[in-house]
Amino acid sequence: MGDTFRIANGFVTLYGTTIYSGAPPLVFNGSGQSALAIDAFLGAPGSTADNLIIDGDVSGQTKVKVNNTNTGPGVFNKEGIPVVFVNGATPKGNEFFLGNPIDTGFFNYDLFFRPTGSGVFELRSFLGQGAFVLPQLITASQDIWHQTQTPGSIAPPTSESCSTVALRRPPTIRMQDMPKARRHKAATSRLPCGSGAQAIG
């Protein structure tokens, strides 16, 4: 991955590509079953791919086949991963394309033409169908829960439904002990709701 393939009317030297003097302009014509196969790491901004550089013009259409070397899920990448560079006349923007967007989980990647006159075709990501699966599962589980509840079922108690309740019981006093009766100490007990309700005796 990260390889570069260059097409030009010239020869390659140690110092780059030299164009033959008087050579006709190069036109890359994508016709018939024209296809370009590349490796690309479909990930975050800064990810790389194989590159095709055309020192000339382009016409027709060429299908790009991408081998995704990223074994993990894709991420949102609005900056793009450059794939094709056209150094001639500005392309129309449809000369290179994918057969279908590439599904990487929550995000899909597709090939876009960078609309700056630079002649760059790049892979960018956007929300895919996978991003909507989790919310759909949550909604479905909520619907099932509501549909399985029987009429008149009681919701679990909340802290707002419990209040402090005072329960009083008269002290037990024997007639013969009336003069010596003493007040019983207040006995407290916690009610099941656990909100601080008390029984006072």
Protein backbone atom coordinates (compact mmCIF):
# COMPACT_ATOMS: atom_id res chain seq x y z
CA MET A 1 0.00 0.00 0.00
CA GLY A 2 1.17 3.53 -0.72
CA ASP A 3 2.48 2.64 -4.18
CA THR A 4 2.40 5.25 -6.96
CA PHE A 5 1.75 4.57 -10.65
CA ARG A 6 2.39 7.46 -13.02
CA ILE A 7 1.32 7.87 -16.65
CA ALA A 8 3.10 10.49 -18.76
CA ASN A 9 4.43 11.19 -22.27
CA GLY A 10 8.06 11.10 -21.23
CA PHE A 11 10.64 9.05 -19.45
CA VAL A 12 11.43 8.72 -15.78
CA THR A 13 14.79 9.89 -14.51
CA LEU A 14 16.30 10.12 -11.08
CA TYR A 15 15.03 13.69 -10.96
CA GLY A 16 11.42 12.96 -11.95
CA THR A 17 9.52 12.82 -15.20
CA THR A 18 10.83 14.64 -18.27
CA ILE A 19 8.39 15.27 -21.11
CA TYR A 20 9.61 14.71 -24.66
CA SER A 21 9.92 17.96 -26.57
CA GLY A 22 7.03 18.24 -28.99
CA ALA A 23 5.27 15.12 -27.70
CA PRO A 24 1.47 15.11 -28.16
CA PRO A 25 -0.57 15.77 -25.02
CA LEU A 26 -1.48 12.69 -23.05
CA VAL A 27 -5.14 11.69 -22.81
CA PHE A 28 -6.11 8.83 -20.51
CA ASN A 29 -9.29 7.38 -22.00
CA GLY A 30 -11.32 5.11 -19.73
CA SER A 31 -13.50 2.99 -22.01
CA GLY A 32 -15.11 -0.43 -22.05
CA GLN A 33 -14.09 -2.36 -18.92
CA SER A 34 -11.51 0.19 -17.77
CA ALA A 35 -10.69 -0.51 -14.12
CA LEU A 36 -8.17 0.59 -11.50
CA ALA A 37 -7.41 -1.67 -8.51
CA ILE A 38 -5.84 -0.13 -5.40
CA ASP A 39 -5.08 -0.90 -1.76
CA ALA A 40 -6.35 1.65 0.75
CA PHE A 41 -6.50 1.93 4.53
CA LEU A 42 -10.02 3.21 5.08
CA GLY A 43 -9.59 5.05 8.35
CA ALA A 44 -9.22 8.48 9.89
CA PRO A 45 -7.77 11.60 8.23
CA GLY A 46 -4.16 10.91 7.31
CA SER A 47 -4.87 7.40 6.03
CA THR A 48 -3.19 6.45 2.76
CA ALA A 49 -3.90 4.57 -0.46
CA ASP A 50 -2.17 3.61 -3.69
CA ASN A 51 -2.04 6.55 -6.11
CA LEU A 52 -2.50 6.96 -9.85
CA ILE A 53 -0.94 10.14 -11.26
CA ILE A 54 -1.87 11.17 -14.80
CA ASP A 55 0.25 13.87 -16.43
CA GLY A 56 -2.40 14.76 -18.96
CA ASP A 57 -6.14 14.83 -19.53
CA VAL A 58 -8.75 12.18 -18.77
CA SER A 59 -11.94 11.12 -20.51
CA GLY A 60 -14.45 8.30 -20.34
CA GLN A 61 -15.02 6.39 -17.10
CA THR A 62 -12.87 4.04 -15.03
CA LYS A 63 -14.17 1.88 -12.20
CA VAL A 64 -12.02 1.87 -9.07
CA LYS A 65 -11.78 -1.35 -7.04
CA VAL A 66 -10.60 -0.87 -3.47
CA ASN A 67 -9.00 -3.48 -1.25
CA ASN A 68 -9.51 -2.20 2.29
CA THR A 69 -6.47 -3.07 4.41
CA ASN A 70 -8.08 -1.75 7.60
CA THR A 71 -9.32 -4.75 9.60
CA GLY A 72 -11.12 -2.52 12.09
CA PRO A 73 -14.20 -0.33 11.70
CA GLY A 74 -14.13 2.82 9.61
CA VAL A 75 -14.42 6.31 11.07
CA PHE A 76 -15.66 9.69 9.92
CA ASN A 77 -13.16 11.14 7.45
CA LYS A 78 -14.24 14.34 5.72
CA GLU A 79 -10.69 15.30 4.66
CA GLY A 80 -10.39 12.39 2.26
CA ILE A 81 -7.80 9.83 1.17
CA PRO A 82 -6.32 10.87 -2.22
CA VAL A 83 -6.35 8.17 -4.91
CA VAL A 84 -6.12 9.76 -8.39
CA PHE A 85 -4.29 12.95 -9.42
CA VAL A 86 -5.01 14.45 -12.84
CA ASN A 87 -2.46 17.09 -13.84
CA GLY A 88 -4.10 18.05 -17.14
CA ALA A 89 -7.36 19.83 -17.81
CA THR A 90 -9.78 19.84 -14.88
CA PRO A 91 -11.95 16.68 -15.04
CA LYS A 92 -15.73 16.75 -15.01
CA GLY A 93 -15.71 14.68 -11.83
CA ASN A 94 -17.23 11.40 -13.01
CA GLU A 95 -14.19 9.90 -14.76
CA PHE A 96 -13.39 7.64 -11.76
CA PHE A 97 -16.01 5.95 -9.61
CA LEU A 98 -16.76 3.06 -7.25
CA GLY A 99 -19.31 0.41 -8.14
CA ASN A 100 -20.88 0.79 -4.67
CA PRO A 101 -19.96 2.57 -1.45
CA ILE A 102 -17.73 0.48 0.83
CA ASP A 103 -19.45 -0.53 4.09
CA THR A 104 -17.08 -0.39 7.09
CA GLY A 105 -19.64 -0.52 9.90
CA PHE A 106 -21.05 2.81 11.05
CA PHE A 107 -19.48 4.60 8.05
CA ASN A 108 -19.42 4.06 4.30
CA TYR A 109 -16.63 5.25 2.01
CA ASP A 110 -17.11 6.47 -1.55
CA LEU A 111 -14.96 8.15 -4.19
CA PHE A 112 -15.45 11.90 -4.59
CA PHE A 113 -13.95 14.51 -6.86
CA ARG A 114 -12.38 17.34 -4.88
CA PRO A 115 -14.14 20.44 -6.28
CA THR A 116 -11.14 22.78 -6.23
CA GLY A 117 -9.85 22.39 -9.76
CA SER A 118 -6.98 20.30 -8.44
CA GLY A 119 -7.96 17.17 -10.33
CA VAL A 120 -7.95 14.98 -7.21
CA PHE A 121 -10.27 12.02 -6.66
CA GLU A 122 -10.38 10.89 -3.03
CA LEU A 123 -12.14 8.47 -0.70
CA ARG A 124 -14.30 10.09 1.98
CA SER A 125 -16.65 8.59 4.56
CA PHE A 126 -20.19 9.35 5.66
CA LEU A 127 -22.77 7.75 7.95
CA GLY A 128 -23.82 4.32 6.71
CA GLN A 129 -26.75 2.06 7.48
CA GLY A 130 -24.88 0.53 10.41
CA ALA A 131 -25.06 3.84 12.30
CA PHE A 132 -28.85 3.52 12.51
CA VAL A 133 -29.00 -0.11 13.69
CA LEU A 134 -28.36 0.54 17.42
CA PRO A 135 -31.09 3.22 17.80
CA GLN A 136 -33.49 0.90 15.97
CA LEU A 137 -32.68 -1.96 18.38
CA ILE A 138 -33.28 0.29 21.39
CA THR A 139 -36.63 1.46 20.01
CA ALA A 140 -37.66 -2.12 19.22
CA SER A 141 -36.81 -3.32 22.74
CA GLN A 142 -38.85 -0.47 24.24
CA ASP A 143 -41.82 -1.36 22.04
CA ILE A 144 -41.61 -5.02 23.10
CA TRP A 145 -41.46 -4.02 26.79
CA HIS A 146 -44.56 -1.84 26.48
CA GLN A 147 -46.48 -4.48 24.54
CA THR A 148 -45.79 -7.19 27.13
CA GLN A 149 -47.07 -5.19 30.11
CA THR A 150 -50.49 -6.33 31.44
CA PRO A 151 -53.23 -3.74 32.07
CA GLY A 152 -53.13 -2.39 35.59
CA SER A 153 -49.57 -3.43 36.23
CA ILE A 154 -47.90 -1.39 38.95
CA ALA A 155 -44.78 0.54 38.18
CA PRO A 156 -41.87 0.04 40.58
CA PRO A 157 -41.87 2.50 43.46
CA THR A 158 -39.78 5.59 43.28
CA SER A 159 -38.39 7.84 45.95
CA GLU A 160 -41.20 10.32 45.24
CA SER A 161 -43.89 7.68 45.94
CA CYS A 162 -42.62 7.02 49.49
CA SER A 163 -43.23 9.48 52.30
CA THR A 164 -42.65 9.52 56.01
CA VAL A 165 -45.57 7.82 57.72
CA ALA A 166 -46.18 8.15 61.45
CA LEU A 167 -47.99 5.22 63.04
CA ARG A 168 -49.11 5.56 66.70
CA ARG A 169 -50.29 2.79 69.01
CA PRO A 170 -51.65 3.42 72.52
CA PRO A 171 -49.35 2.30 75.34
CA THR A 172 -50.41 -0.85 77.19
CA ILE A 173 -51.00 0.05 80.85
CA ARG A 174 -52.30 -2.32 83.52
CA MET A 175 -54.95 -0.90 85.81
CA GLN A 176 -53.04 -1.82 89.00
CA ASP A 177 -50.00 0.04 87.71
CA MET A 178 -51.80 3.25 86.82
CA PRO A 179 -49.96 5.41 89.37
CA LYS A 180 -46.65 3.98 88.33
CA ALA A 181 -47.22 4.09 84.62
CA ARG A 182 -44.34 5.39 82.65
CA ARG A 183 -44.21 6.43 79.11
CA HIS A 184 -42.81 3.81 76.84
CA LYS A 185 -39.80 4.86 74.89
CA ALA A 186 -40.53 5.58 71.28
CA ALA A 187 -39.82 2.53 69.14
CA THR A 188 -38.91 3.12 65.59
CA SER A 189 -38.82 0.74 62.65
CA ARG A 190 -38.04 1.30 58.98
CA LEU A 191 -40.79 0.59 56.46
CA PRO A 192 -40.00 -1.58 53.42
CA CYS A 193 -39.92 1.32 50.99
CA GLY A 194 -36.69 2.46 52.60
CA SER A 195 -37.40 6.18 52.30
CA GLY A 196 -37.23 6.96 56.02
CA ALA A 197 -40.87 6.16 56.98
CA GLN A 198 -41.17 5.46 60.75
CA ALA A 199 -43.56 3.78 63.12
CA ILE A 200 -43.67 5.75 66.39
CA GLY A 201 -44.94 4.04 69.57
